[in-house]
N, C-alpha and C. Protein backbone atom coordinates (compact mmCIF):
# COMPACT_ATOMS: atom_id res chain seq x y z
N UNK A 1 36.06 -6.44 41.83
CA UNK A 1 34.70 -6.92 41.61
C UNK A 1 33.84 -5.82 41.00
N UNK A 2 34.01 -4.60 41.51
CA UNK A 2 33.23 -3.47 41.01
C UNK A 2 33.58 -3.18 39.55
N UNK A 3 34.87 -3.26 39.21
CA UNK A 3 35.28 -3.03 37.83
C UNK A 3 34.69 -4.08 36.89
N UNK A 4 34.65 -5.32 37.32
CA UNK A 4 34.08 -6.39 36.50
C UNK A 4 32.59 -6.16 36.30
N UNK A 5 31.91 -5.72 37.36
CA UNK A 5 30.48 -5.45 37.28
C UNK A 5 30.21 -4.28 36.33
N UNK A 6 31.02 -3.24 36.43
CA UNK A 6 30.88 -2.08 35.55
C UNK A 6 31.14 -2.47 34.10
N UNK A 7 32.11 -3.33 33.89
CA UNK A 7 32.41 -3.81 32.54
C UNK A 7 31.25 -4.62 31.98
N UNK A 8 30.67 -5.47 32.82
CA UNK A 8 29.51 -6.27 32.38
C UNK A 8 28.33 -5.37 32.02
N UNK A 9 28.11 -4.36 32.85
CA UNK A 9 27.01 -3.42 32.59
C UNK A 9 27.26 -2.66 31.29
N UNK A 10 28.49 -2.24 31.10
CA UNK A 10 28.85 -1.51 29.88
C UNK A 10 28.65 -2.38 28.64
N UNK A 11 29.09 -3.64 28.73
CA UNK A 11 28.89 -4.56 27.60
C UNK A 11 27.41 -4.81 27.34
N UNK A 12 26.65 -4.96 28.41
CA UNK A 12 25.21 -5.18 28.26
C UNK A 12 24.55 -3.97 27.59
N UNK A 13 24.92 -2.78 28.03
CA UNK A 13 24.37 -1.56 27.43
C UNK A 13 24.73 -1.46 25.95
N UNK A 14 25.94 -1.82 25.63
CA UNK A 14 26.37 -1.81 24.23
C UNK A 14 25.55 -2.80 23.40
N UNK A 15 25.31 -3.98 23.94
CA UNK A 15 24.50 -4.97 23.24
C UNK A 15 23.06 -4.48 23.05
N UNK A 16 22.52 -3.84 24.06
CA UNK A 16 21.16 -3.31 23.97
C UNK A 16 21.10 -2.21 22.91
N UNK A 17 22.11 -1.35 22.88
CA UNK A 17 22.14 -0.28 21.88
C UNK A 17 22.18 -0.86 20.47
N UNK A 18 23.00 -1.90 20.25
CA UNK A 18 23.07 -2.53 18.92
C UNK A 18 21.74 -3.19 18.56
N UNK A 19 21.12 -3.84 19.54
CA UNK A 19 19.82 -4.48 19.29
C UNK A 19 18.78 -3.43 18.92
N UNK A 20 18.79 -2.31 19.63
CA UNK A 20 17.84 -1.24 19.32
C UNK A 20 18.12 -0.63 17.95
N UNK A 21 19.38 -0.48 17.63
CA UNK A 21 19.75 0.04 16.32
C UNK A 21 19.24 -0.87 15.20
N UNK A 22 19.40 -2.17 15.38
CA UNK A 22 18.89 -3.13 14.39
C UNK A 22 17.37 -3.05 14.28
N UNK A 23 16.70 -2.89 15.40
CA UNK A 23 15.24 -2.75 15.37
C UNK A 23 14.82 -1.49 14.62
N UNK A 24 15.52 -0.40 14.86
CA UNK A 24 15.21 0.85 14.16
C UNK A 24 15.42 0.69 12.66
N UNK A 25 16.52 0.05 12.28
CA UNK A 25 16.78 -0.17 10.85
C UNK A 25 15.70 -1.04 10.22
N UNK A 26 15.28 -2.09 10.93
CA UNK A 26 14.21 -2.94 10.42
C UNK A 26 12.90 -2.17 10.28
N UNK A 27 12.61 -1.31 11.24
CA UNK A 27 11.40 -0.49 11.15
C UNK A 27 11.46 0.47 9.97
N UNK A 28 12.63 1.04 9.73
CA UNK A 28 12.79 1.93 8.58
C UNK A 28 12.58 1.19 7.27
N UNK A 29 13.09 -0.04 7.20
CA UNK A 29 12.87 -0.85 5.99
C UNK A 29 11.39 -1.17 5.81
N UNK A 30 10.73 -1.53 6.89
CA UNK A 30 9.29 -1.82 6.82
C UNK A 30 8.50 -0.58 6.40
N UNK A 31 8.87 0.57 6.94
CA UNK A 31 8.18 1.81 6.57
C UNK A 31 8.36 2.10 5.09
N UNK A 32 9.54 1.87 4.60
CA UNK A 32 9.81 2.08 3.19
C UNK A 32 8.95 1.16 2.33
N UNK A 33 8.82 -0.09 2.74
CA UNK A 33 7.99 -1.04 2.00
C UNK A 33 6.52 -0.65 2.05
N UNK A 34 6.06 -0.20 3.22
CA UNK A 34 4.67 0.24 3.36
C UNK A 34 4.41 1.45 2.47
N UNK A 35 5.32 2.39 2.45
CA UNK A 35 5.17 3.57 1.60
C UNK A 35 5.10 3.18 0.13
N UNK A 36 5.93 2.23 -0.28
CA UNK A 36 5.92 1.78 -1.68
C UNK A 36 4.58 1.11 -2.01
N UNK A 37 4.06 0.33 -1.09
CA UNK A 37 2.77 -0.34 -1.32
C UNK A 37 1.64 0.69 -1.39
N UNK A 38 1.69 1.70 -0.52
CA UNK A 38 0.67 2.76 -0.56
C UNK A 38 0.71 3.48 -1.90
N UNK A 39 1.90 3.78 -2.37
CA UNK A 39 2.05 4.47 -3.65
C UNK A 39 1.51 3.62 -4.79
N UNK A 40 1.84 2.34 -4.79
CA UNK A 40 1.34 1.42 -5.81
C UNK A 40 -0.18 1.31 -5.74
N UNK A 41 -0.72 1.29 -4.54
CA UNK A 41 -2.17 1.21 -4.36
C UNK A 41 -2.86 2.44 -4.96
N UNK A 42 -2.32 3.62 -4.71
CA UNK A 42 -2.90 4.83 -5.28
C UNK A 42 -2.84 4.81 -6.80
N UNK A 43 -1.72 4.33 -7.33
CA UNK A 43 -1.56 4.24 -8.79
C UNK A 43 -2.60 3.28 -9.38
N UNK A 44 -2.77 2.13 -8.74
CA UNK A 44 -3.74 1.15 -9.24
C UNK A 44 -5.17 1.66 -9.12
N UNK A 45 -5.48 2.38 -8.05
CA UNK A 45 -6.82 2.96 -7.91
C UNK A 45 -7.10 3.94 -9.04
N UNK A 46 -6.11 4.76 -9.35
CA UNK A 46 -6.26 5.73 -10.42
C UNK A 46 -6.46 5.02 -11.77
N UNK A 47 -5.66 3.99 -12.02
CA UNK A 47 -5.81 3.24 -13.27
C UNK A 47 -7.17 2.56 -13.34
N UNK A 48 -7.65 2.04 -12.22
CA UNK A 48 -8.97 1.40 -12.19
C UNK A 48 -10.07 2.40 -12.50
N UNK A 49 -9.94 3.62 -12.02
CA UNK A 49 -10.94 4.65 -12.33
C UNK A 49 -10.95 4.95 -13.82
N UNK A 50 -9.78 5.06 -14.41
CA UNK A 50 -9.69 5.33 -15.84
C UNK A 50 -10.31 4.18 -16.63
N UNK A 51 -9.96 2.95 -16.26
CA UNK A 51 -10.52 1.79 -16.96
C UNK A 51 -12.02 1.69 -16.76
N UNK A 52 -12.49 1.97 -15.56
CA UNK A 52 -13.93 1.95 -15.30
C UNK A 52 -14.67 2.95 -16.15
N UNK A 53 -14.13 4.15 -16.27
CA UNK A 53 -14.75 5.18 -17.11
C UNK A 53 -14.72 4.77 -18.58
N UNK A 54 -13.61 4.18 -19.01
CA UNK A 54 -13.48 3.72 -20.39
C UNK A 54 -14.54 2.66 -20.69
N UNK A 55 -14.69 1.69 -19.80
CA UNK A 55 -15.69 0.63 -19.99
C UNK A 55 -17.09 1.21 -19.99
N UNK A 56 -17.34 2.15 -19.10
CA UNK A 56 -18.65 2.79 -19.05
C UNK A 56 -18.95 3.51 -20.36
N UNK A 57 -17.96 4.21 -20.89
CA UNK A 57 -18.14 4.91 -22.17
C UNK A 57 -18.39 3.93 -23.30
N UNK A 58 -17.65 2.82 -23.32
CA UNK A 58 -17.87 1.82 -24.36
C UNK A 58 -19.28 1.23 -24.27
N UNK A 59 -19.72 0.95 -23.06
CA UNK A 59 -21.05 0.37 -22.88
C UNK A 59 -22.14 1.35 -23.29
N UNK A 60 -21.96 2.62 -23.00
CA UNK A 60 -22.99 3.60 -23.37
C UNK A 60 -22.99 3.85 -24.87
N UNK A 61 -21.85 3.63 -25.54
CA UNK A 61 -21.78 3.83 -26.98
C UNK A 61 -22.26 2.61 -27.76
N UNK A 62 -22.33 1.47 -27.12
CA UNK A 62 -22.71 0.23 -27.81
C UNK A 62 -24.21 0.02 -27.74
N UNK A 63 -24.80 -0.36 -28.87
CA UNK A 63 -26.25 -0.60 -28.91
C UNK A 63 -26.62 -1.86 -28.14
N UNK A 64 -25.70 -2.74 -27.91
CA UNK A 64 -25.98 -3.98 -27.18
C UNK A 64 -26.41 -3.67 -25.75
N UNK A 65 -25.86 -2.62 -25.18
CA UNK A 65 -26.15 -2.30 -23.79
C UNK A 65 -27.22 -1.23 -23.64
N UNK A 66 -27.79 -0.77 -24.74
CA UNK A 66 -28.83 0.25 -24.67
C UNK A 66 -30.16 -0.38 -24.28
N UNK A 67 -30.94 0.34 -23.47
CA UNK A 67 -32.26 -0.17 -23.11
C UNK A 67 -33.22 0.10 -24.26
N UNK A 68 -34.16 -0.81 -24.45
CA UNK A 68 -35.15 -0.63 -25.52
C UNK A 68 -36.46 -0.19 -24.90
N UNK A 69 -37.14 0.67 -25.60
CA UNK A 69 -38.44 1.17 -25.15
C UNK A 69 -39.50 0.44 -25.95
N UNK A 70 -40.13 -0.56 -25.36
CA UNK A 70 -41.09 -1.40 -26.09
C UNK A 70 -42.35 -0.63 -26.46
N UNK A 71 -42.72 0.39 -25.71
CA UNK A 71 -43.92 1.17 -26.01
C UNK A 71 -43.74 1.96 -27.30
N UNK A 72 -42.58 2.53 -27.51
CA UNK A 72 -42.36 3.34 -28.71
C UNK A 72 -42.27 2.47 -29.95
N UNK A 73 -41.88 1.22 -29.82
CA UNK A 73 -41.79 0.32 -30.97
C UNK A 73 -43.17 -0.14 -31.41
N UNK A 74 -44.15 -0.19 -30.49
CA UNK A 74 -45.49 -0.64 -30.85
C UNK A 74 -46.24 0.40 -31.65
N UNK A 75 -45.94 1.66 -31.47
CA UNK A 75 -46.69 2.74 -32.13
C UNK A 75 -46.40 2.86 -33.57
């Protein structure tokens, strides 16, 4: 009876170890995906800054977006 109980405990421990191993592997995969998303986010933020500066430069160079001074035109 004791041997059977020890065998059951050993099998249970082995199953728990495999379950934990699978959980660790899943966590590692999730961490990898999170890291990839963080990297992509940083890249997109940088690109957005460049595009924002480009648009700002275009707007400042275009006469359409320039403010007019109505007082100086009257003189």
